[in-house]
Structures are given as C-alpha cells and as structure tokens.
PDB file of N, CA and C in Angstrom:
ATOM      1  N   MET A   1      85.968  41.564 228.611  1.00  0.00           N
ATOM      2  CA  MET A   1      85.108  42.821 228.735  1.00  0.00           C
ATOM      3  C   MET A   1      86.049  44.007 228.979  1.00  0.00           C
ATOM      4  N   LYS A   2      87.040  43.687 229.877  1.00  0.00           N
ATOM      5  CA  LYS A   2      88.062  44.776 230.089  1.00  0.00           C
ATOM      6  C   LYS A   2      88.711  45.205 228.819  1.00  0.00           C
ATOM      7  N   ALA A   3      89.249  44.196 227.914  1.00  0.00           N
ATOM      8  CA  ALA A   3      89.870  44.548 226.771  1.00  0.00           C
ATOM      9  C   ALA A   3      88.903  45.370 225.718  1.00  0.00           C
ATOM     10  N   ALA A   4      87.693  44.891 225.744  1.00  0.00           N
ATOM     11  CA  ALA A   4      86.719  45.590 224.873  1.00  0.00           C
ATOM     12  C   ALA A   4      86.573  47.174 225.216  1.00  0.00           C
ATOM     13  N   MET A   5      86.444  47.361 226.672  1.00  0.00           N
ATOM     14  CA  MET A   5      86.342  48.650 227.040  1.00  0.00           C
ATOM     15  C   MET A   5      87.590  49.586 226.814  1.00  0.00           C
ATOM     16  N   ALA A   6      88.768  48.801 226.876  1.00  0.00           N
ATOM     17  CA  ALA A   6      90.050  49.589 226.599  1.00  0.00           C
ATOM     18  C   ALA A   6      90.049  49.872 225.113  1.00  0.00           C
ATOM     19  N   LEU A   7      89.563  49.108 224.298  1.00  0.00           N
ATOM     20  CA  LEU A   7      89.563  49.308 222.802  1.00  0.00           C
ATOM     21  C   LEU A   7      88.500  50.357 222.481  1.00  0.00           C
ATOM     22  N   ALA A   8      87.436  50.339 223.169  1.00  0.00           N
ATOM     23  CA  ALA A   8      86.308  51.396 222.997  1.00  0.00           C
ATOM     24  C   ALA A   8      86.950  52.789 223.453  1.00  0.00           C
ATOM     25  N   THR A   9      87.623  52.861 224.542  1.00  0.00           N
ATOM     26  CA  THR A   9      88.334  54.110 224.914  1.00  0.00           C
ATOM     27  C   THR A   9      89.200  54.616 223.879  1.00  0.00           C
ATOM     28  N   GLN A  10      89.963  53.575 223.396  1.00  0.00           N
ATOM     29  CA  GLN A  10      91.124  54.086 222.409  1.00  0.00           C
ATOM     30  C   GLN A  10      90.367  54.659 221.170  1.00  0.00           C
ATOM     31  N   ILE A  11      89.191  54.033 220.684  1.00  0.00           N
ATOM     32  CA  ILE A  11      88.544  54.410 219.479  1.00  0.00           C
ATOM     33  C   ILE A  11      87.868  55.738 219.767  1.00  0.00           C
ATOM     34  N   THR A  12      87.319  56.003 220.923  1.00  0.00           N
ATOM     35  CA  THR A  12      86.656  57.316 221.199  1.00  0.00           C
ATOM     36  C   THR A  12      87.696  58.535 221.398  1.00  0.00           C
ATOM     37  N   SER A  13      88.853  58.159 221.559  1.00  0.00           N
ATOM     38  CA  SER A  13      89.868  59.282 221.720  1.00  0.00           C
ATOM     39  C   SER A  13      90.362  59.587 220.298  1.00  0.00           C
ATOM     40  N   ALA A  14      90.181  58.782 219.283  1.00  0.00           N
ATOM     41  CA  ALA A  14      90.569  59.101 217.923  1.00  0.00           C
ATOM     42  C   ALA A  14      89.656  60.211 217.285  1.00  0.00           C
ATOM     43  N   ALA A  15      90.188  60.843 216.223  1.00  0.00           N
ATOM     44  CA  ALA A  15      89.355  61.920 215.580  1.00  0.00           C
ATOM     45  C   ALA A  15      88.088  61.241 215.023  1.00  0.00           C
ATOM     46  N   PRO A  16      86.913  61.930 215.291  1.00  0.00           N
ATOM     47  CA  PRO A  16      85.643  61.344 214.734  1.00  0.00           C
ATOM     48  C   PRO A  16      85.621  60.949 213.278  1.00  0.00           C
ATOM     49  N   ARG A  17      86.164  62.008 212.522  1.00  0.00           N
ATOM     50  CA  ARG A  17      86.201  61.809 211.056  1.00  0.00           C
ATOM     51  C   ARG A  17      87.111  60.414 210.674  1.00  0.00           C
ATOM     52  N   SER A  18      88.151  60.246 211.373  1.00  0.00           N
ATOM     53  CA  SER A  18      89.061  59.046 211.128  1.00  0.00           C
ATOM     54  C   SER A  18      88.260  57.873 211.410  1.00  0.00           C
ATOM     55  N   VAL A  19      87.572  57.932 212.500  1.00  0.00           N
ATOM     56  CA  VAL A  19      86.736  56.699 212.967  1.00  0.00           C
ATOM     57  C   VAL A  19      85.635  56.502 211.914  1.00  0.00           C
ATOM     58  N   GLN A  20      85.002  57.449 211.487  1.00  0.00           N
ATOM     59  CA  GLN A  20      83.988  57.251 210.319  1.00  0.00           C
ATOM     60  C   GLN A  20      84.538  56.708 209.097  1.00  0.00           C
ATOM     61  N   MET A  21      85.712  57.212 208.768  1.00  0.00           N
ATOM     62  CA  MET A  21      86.338  56.763 207.412  1.00  0.00           C
ATOM     63  C   MET A  21      86.822  55.330 207.574  1.00  0.00           C
ATOM     64  N   THR A  22      87.335  54.963 208.709  1.00  0.00           N
ATOM     65  CA  THR A  22      87.791  53.587 209.023  1.00  0.00           C
ATOM     66  C   THR A  22      86.562  52.701 208.953  1.00  0.00           C
ATOM     67  N   LYS A  23      85.473  53.118 209.542  1.00  0.00           N
ATOM     68  CA  LYS A  23      84.198  52.183 209.541  1.00  0.00           C
ATOM     69  C   LYS A  23      83.784  52.138 208.149  1.00  0.00           C
ATOM     70  N   ALA A  24      83.817  53.053 207.396  1.00  0.00           N
ATOM     71  CA  ALA A  24      83.303  52.932 206.000  1.00  0.00           C
ATOM     72  C   ALA A  24      84.165  52.023 205.179  1.00  0.00           C
ATOM     73  N   ALA A  25      85.467  52.025 205.473  1.00  0.00           N
ATOM     74  CA  ALA A  25      86.418  51.160 204.783  1.00  0.00           C
ATOM     75  C   ALA A  25      86.192  49.624 205.141  1.00  0.00           C
ATOM     76  N   ILE A  26      85.912  49.545 206.343  1.00  0.00           N
ATOM     77  CA  ILE A  26      85.452  48.131 206.894  1.00  0.00           C
ATOM     78  C   ILE A  26      84.169  47.624 206.198  1.00  0.00           C
ATOM     79  N   HIS A  27      83.173  48.513 206.136  1.00  0.00           N
ATOM     80  CA  HIS A  27      81.945  48.126 205.443  1.00  0.00           C
ATOM     81  C   HIS A  27      82.223  47.775 203.938  1.00  0.00           C
ATOM     82  N   ARG A  28      83.024  48.743 203.259  1.00  0.00           N
ATOM     83  CA  ARG A  28      83.315  48.369 201.797  1.00  0.00           C
ATOM     84  C   ARG A  28      83.883  46.988 201.686  1.00  0.00           C
ATOM     85  N   SER A  29      84.843  46.684 202.713  1.00  0.00           N
ATOM     86  CA  SER A  29      85.610  45.340 202.536  1.00  0.00           C
ATOM     87  C   SER A  29      84.607  44.280 202.695  1.00  0.00           C
ATOM     88  N   TYR A  30      83.502  44.304 203.509  1.00  0.00           N
ATOM     89  CA  TYR A  30      82.541  43.333 203.529  1.00  0.00           C
ATOM     90  C   TYR A  30      81.729  43.216 202.268  1.00  0.00           C
ATOM     91  N   GLU A  31      81.358  44.406 201.712  1.00  0.00           N
ATOM     92  CA  GLU A  31      80.697  44.454 200.441  1.00  0.00           C
ATOM     93  C   GLU A  31      81.316  43.823 199.364  1.00  0.00           C
ATOM     94  N   LEU A  32      82.700  44.160 199.188  1.00  0.00           N
ATOM     95  CA  LEU A  32      83.463  43.539 198.253  1.00  0.00           C
ATOM     96  C   LEU A  32      83.667  41.942 198.431  1.00  0.00           C
ATOM     97  N   ALA A  33      83.781  41.626 199.572  1.00  0.00           N
ATOM     98  CA  ALA A  33      83.803  40.100 199.853  1.00  0.00           C
ATOM     99  C   ALA A  33      82.539  39.585 199.305  1.00  0.00           C
ATOM    100  N   GLN A  34      81.452  40.081 199.612  1.00  0.00           N
ATOM    101  CA  GLN A  34      80.111  39.443 199.236  1.00  0.00           C
ATOM    102  C   GLN A  34      80.162  39.568 197.826  1.00  0.00           C
ATOM    103  N   MET A  35      80.727  40.542 197.038  1.00  0.00           N
ATOM    104  CA  MET A  35      80.599  40.649 195.576  1.00  0.00           C
ATOM    105  C   MET A  35      81.416  39.560 195.116  1.00  0.00           C
ATOM    106  N   ARG A  36      82.566  39.300 195.660  1.00  0.00           N
ATOM    107  CA  ARG A  36      83.487  38.081 195.193  1.00  0.00           C
ATOM    108  C   ARG A  36      82.675  36.926 195.327  1.00  0.00           C
ATOM    109  N   THR A  37      82.065  36.617 196.391  1.00  0.00           N
ATOM    110  CA  THR A  37      81.276  35.336 196.568  1.00  0.00           C
ATOM    111  C   THR A  37      80.226  35.154 195.310  1.00  0.00           C
ATOM    112  N   ALA A  38      79.580  36.386 195.132  1.00  0.00           N
ATOM    113  CA  ALA A  38      78.441  36.413 194.070  1.00  0.00           C
ATOM    114  C   ALA A  38      79.062  36.011 192.722  1.00  0.00           C
ATOM    115  N   LEU A  39      80.166  36.569 192.417  1.00  0.00           N
ATOM    116  CA  LEU A  39      80.940  36.407 191.032  1.00  0.00           C
ATOM    117  C   LEU A  39      81.337  34.982 191.057  1.00  0.00           C
ATOM    118  N   LEU A  40      81.827  34.521 192.151  1.00  0.00           N
ATOM    119  CA  LEU A  40      82.219  33.048 192.086  1.00  0.00           C
ATOM    120  C   LEU A  40      81.063  32.133 191.867  1.00  0.00           C
ATOM    121  N   GLU A  41      80.000  32.375 192.458  1.00  0.00           N
ATOM    122  CA  GLU A  41      78.710  31.547 192.308  1.00  0.00           C
ATOM    123  C   GLU A  41      78.222  31.738 190.867  1.00  0.00           C
ATOM    124  N   ALA A  42      78.253  32.908 190.291  1.00  0.00           N
ATOM    125  CA  ALA A  42      77.893  33.095 189.006  1.00  0.00           C
ATOM    126  C   ALA A  42      78.841  32.402 187.990  1.00  0.00           C
ATOM    127  N   LEU A  43      80.073  32.444 188.249  1.00  0.00           N
ATOM    128  CA  LEU A  43      81.048  31.524 187.451  1.00  0.00           C
ATOM    129  C   LEU A  43      80.650  30.170 187.476  1.00  0.00           C
ATOM    130  N   GLU A  44      80.436  29.620 188.581  1.00  0.00           N
ATOM    131  CA  GLU A  44      80.131  28.197 188.664  1.00  0.00           C
ATOM    132  C   GLU A  44      78.950  27.781 187.830  1.00  0.00           C
ATOM    133  N   THR A  45      77.875  28.671 187.976  1.00  0.00           N
ATOM    134  CA  THR A  45      76.630  28.451 187.097  1.00  0.00           C
ATOM    135  C   THR A  45      76.942  28.513 185.657  1.00  0.00           C
ATOM    136  N   ASP A  46      77.801  29.466 185.314  1.00  0.00           N
ATOM    137  CA  ASP A  46      78.200  29.645 183.838  1.00  0.00           C
ATOM    138  C   ASP A  46      78.873  28.296 183.417  1.00  0.00           C
ATOM    139  N   ILE A  47      79.751  27.910 184.231  1.00  0.00           N
ATOM    140  CA  ILE A  47      80.500  26.707 183.885  1.00  0.00           C
ATOM    141  C   ILE A  47      79.633  25.429 183.673  1.00  0.00           C
ATOM    142  N   LEU A  48      78.664  25.345 184.538  1.00  0.00           N
ATOM    143  CA  LEU A  48      77.653  24.367 184.458  1.00  0.00           C
ATOM    144  C   LEU A  48      76.749  24.442 183.216  1.00  0.00           C
ATOM    145  N   ILE A  49      76.457  25.653 182.738  1.00  0.00           N
ATOM    146  CA  ILE A  49      75.649  25.941 181.596  1.00  0.00           C
ATOM    147  C   ILE A  49      76.537  25.577 180.359  1.00  0.00           C
ATOM    148  N   GLU A  50      77.722  25.957 180.366  1.00  0.00           N
ATOM    149  CA  GLU A  50      78.558  25.866 179.257  1.00  0.00           C
ATOM    150  C   GLU A  50      78.830  24.241 178.968  1.00  0.00           C
ATOM    151  N   ALA A  51      78.863  23.431 180.056  1.00  0.00           N
ATOM    152  CA  ALA A  51      79.112  22.104 180.061  1.00  0.00           C
ATOM    153  C   ALA A  51      77.922  21.249 179.727  1.00  0.00           C
ATOM    154  N   ASP A  52      76.723  21.906 179.754  1.00  0.00           N
ATOM    155  CA  ASP A  52      75.599  21.073 179.507  1.00  0.00           C
ATOM    156  C   ASP A  52      75.471  20.559 178.051  1.00  0.00           C
ATOM    157  N   GLU A  53      75.055  19.351 177.944  1.00  0.00           N
ATOM    158  CA  GLU A  53      74.947  18.624 176.687  1.00  0.00           C
ATOM    159  C   GLU A  53      73.585  18.216 176.477  1.00  0.00           C
ATOM    160  N   SER A  54      72.683  19.200 176.707  1.00  0.00           N
ATOM    161  CA  SER A  54      71.263  18.793 176.444  1.00  0.00           C
ATOM    162  C   SER A  54      71.145  18.689 174.836  1.00  0.00           C
ATOM    163  N   PRO A  55      69.953  18.032 174.523  1.00  0.00           N
ATOM    164  CA  PRO A  55      69.665  17.749 173.011  1.00  0.00           C
ATOM    165  C   PRO A  55      69.500  19.258 172.351  1.00  0.00           C
ATOM    166  N   GLU A  56      68.912  20.075 173.029  1.00  0.00           N
ATOM    167  CA  GLU A  56      68.854  21.451 172.417  1.00  0.00           C
ATOM    168  C   GLU A  56      70.096  22.142 172.168  1.00  0.00           C
ATOM    169  N   ARG A  57      70.983  22.034 173.107  1.00  0.00           N
ATOM    170  CA  ARG A  57      72.337  22.666 173.008  1.00  0.00           C
ATOM    171  C   ARG A  57      73.161  22.028 171.947  1.00  0.00           C
ATOM    172  N   LEU A  58      73.097  20.674 171.957  1.00  0.00           N
ATOM    173  CA  LEU A  58      73.778  19.953 170.925  1.00  0.00           C
ATOM    174  C   LEU A  58      73.343  20.322 169.541  1.00  0.00           C
ATOM    175  N   GLU A  59      71.976  20.463 169.261  1.00  0.00           N
ATOM    176  CA  GLU A  59      71.524  20.726 167.939  1.00  0.00           C
ATOM    177  C   GLU A  59      71.898  22.227 167.717  1.00  0.00           C
ATOM    178  N   PHE A  60      71.778  23.089 168.608  1.00  0.00           N
ATOM    179  CA  PHE A  60      72.233  24.603 168.310  1.00  0.00           C
ATOM    180  C   PHE A  60      73.625  24.628 167.786  1.00  0.00           C
ATOM    181  N   ASN A  61      74.573  23.846 168.524  1.00  0.00           N
ATOM    182  CA  ASN A  61      75.867  23.845 168.258  1.00  0.00           C
ATOM    183  C   ASN A  61      76.163  23.234 166.784  1.00  0.00           C
ATOM    184  N   ARG A  62      75.410  22.156 166.481  1.00  0.00           N
ATOM    185  CA  ARG A  62      75.492  21.432 165.142  1.00  0.00           C
ATOM    186  C   ARG A  62      75.166  22.415 164.160  1.00  0.00           C
ATOM    187  N   ILE A  63      74.024  23.172 164.318  1.00  0.00           N
ATOM    188  CA  ILE A  63      73.472  24.138 163.246  1.00  0.00           C
ATOM    189  C   ILE A  63      74.644  25.345 163.096  1.00  0.00           C
ATOM    190  N   ARG A  64      75.063  25.750 164.282  1.00  0.00           N
ATOM    191  CA  ARG A  64      76.050  26.888 164.197  1.00  0.00           C
ATOM    192  C   ARG A  64      77.298  26.501 163.480  1.00  0.00           C
ATOM    193  N   LYS A  65      77.818  25.224 163.712  1.00  0.00           N
ATOM    194  CA  LYS A  65      78.990  24.792 162.975  1.00  0.00           C
ATOM    195  C   LYS A  65      78.847  24.631 161.501  1.00  0.00           C
ATOM    196  N   GLU A  66      77.608  23.975 161.170  1.00  0.00           N
ATOM    197  CA  GLU A  66      77.305  23.761 159.754  1.00  0.00           C
ATOM    198  C   GLU A  66      76.786  24.826 158.927  1.00  0.00           C
ATOM    199  N   GLN A  67      76.003  25.653 159.616  1.00  0.00           N
ATOM    200  CA  GLN A  67      75.318  26.750 158.870  1.00  0.00           C
ATOM    201  C   GLN A  67      75.603  28.174 159.286  1.00  0.00           C
ATOM    202  N   GLY A  68      76.253  28.246 160.412  1.00  0.00           N
ATOM    203  CA  GLY A  68      76.727  29.623 160.997  1.00  0.00           C
ATOM    204  C   GLY A  68      75.768  30.052 162.100  1.00  0.00           C
ATOM    205  N   LEU A  69      76.166  31.082 162.763  1.00  0.00           N
ATOM    206  CA  LEU A  69      75.550  31.669 163.912  1.00  0.00           C
ATOM    207  C   LEU A  69      74.206  32.070 163.643  1.00  0.00           C
ATOM    208  N   LYS A  70      74.000  32.790 162.577  1.00  0.00           N
ATOM    209  CA  LYS A  70      72.683  33.403 162.203  1.00  0.00           C
ATOM    210  C   LYS A  70      71.678  32.212 162.126  1.00  0.00           C
ATOM    211  N   ALA A  71      72.062  31.173 161.432  1.00  0.00           N
ATOM    212  CA  ALA A  71      70.994  30.089 161.314  1.00  0.00           C
ATOM    213  C   ALA A  71      70.682  29.492 162.655  1.00  0.00           C
ATOM    214  N   ALA A  72      71.870  29.400 163.548  1.00  0.00           N
ATOM    215  CA  ALA A  72      71.485  28.663 164.875  1.00  0.00           C
ATOM    216  C   ALA A  72      70.715  29.647 165.680  1.00  0.00           C
ATOM    217  N   LEU A  73      70.861  30.976 165.622  1.00  0.00           N
ATOM    218  CA  LEU A  73      70.048  31.836 166.434  1.00  0.00           C
ATOM    219  C   LEU A  73      68.531  31.752 165.791  1.00  0.00           C
ATOM    220  N   ALA A  74      68.313  31.668 164.402  1.00  0.00           N
ATOM    221  CA  ALA A  74      67.027  31.624 163.885  1.00  0.00           C
ATOM    222  C   ALA A  74      66.356  30.319 164.318  1.00  0.00           C
ATOM    223  N   TRP A  75      67.092  29.204 164.415  1.00  0.00           N
ATOM    224  CA  TRP A  75      66.513  27.950 164.973  1.00  0.00           C
ATOM    225  C   TRP A  75      66.135  28.132 166.395  1.00  0.00           C
ATOM    226  N   ARG A  76      66.956  28.666 167.179  1.00  0.00           N
ATOM    227  CA  ARG A  76      66.675  28.955 168.564  1.00  0.00           C
ATOM    228  C   ARG A  76      65.377  29.806 168.768  1.00  0.00           C
ATOM    229  N   ASP A  77      65.386  30.977 168.021  1.00  0.00           N
ATOM    230  CA  ASP A  77      64.130  31.901 168.083  1.00  0.00           C
ATOM    231  C   ASP A  77      62.841  31.186 167.548  1.00  0.00           C
ATOM    232  N   ALA A  78      62.892  30.395 166.545  1.00  0.00           N
ATOM    233  CA  ALA A  78      61.766  29.674 166.071  1.00  0.00           C
ATOM    234  C   ALA A  78      61.136  28.818 167.128  1.00  0.00           C
ATOM    235  N   ARG A  79      61.940  28.270 168.024  1.00  0.00           N
ATOM    236  CA  ARG A  79      61.552  27.342 169.041  1.00  0.00           C
ATOM    237  C   ARG A  79      60.628  28.084 170.090  1.00  0.00           C
ATOM    238  N   ALA A  80      60.853  29.279 170.268  1.00  0.00           N
ATOM    239  CA  ALA A  80      60.253  30.068 171.399  1.00  0.00           C
ATOM    240  C   ALA A  80      58.677  30.272 171.174  1.00  0.00           C
TER     241      ALA A  80
END
C-alpha cells in the first residue's frame, strides 16, 4: 500500500496533460493487443477453412481446375 501511495503521489505531481497522454497510450496498447489476438484467431479459422476437404470444396476445386473459376463460381451459385 505504501508503494502504491508513493506512485500515486509521483503521478499526481506530473503535468496533467502528460498523464492523460500516457494513459491514452496504455489504452491503445491494450486495444492493439486485443486486435492482434483477434487477427490470430481469424487466421486460425482461415487455415481450417482452407484445409477443409469437404465434398463441396473438392468438387468446386475440380471444376475450377478443369473449367475455370467462372464455371466453379456458377456451380457454387447454382447450389444456393
């Protein structure tokens, strides 16, 4: 508790604008850390999607290789 009070006293003696800017920087750091986590989660999901070998995905890729992307997209859209 004594150390916390000493730190609080030190912070309150600093220029208010400097304290506000430092606080904002700390908040941005936490937001960026959360963004990094979100991007890593999205990447993991994308890897799983790309690795999926469902019958639909295999057929789409077969059509794409044999007839081209337009044909594969038309096949996909006709299924909807």
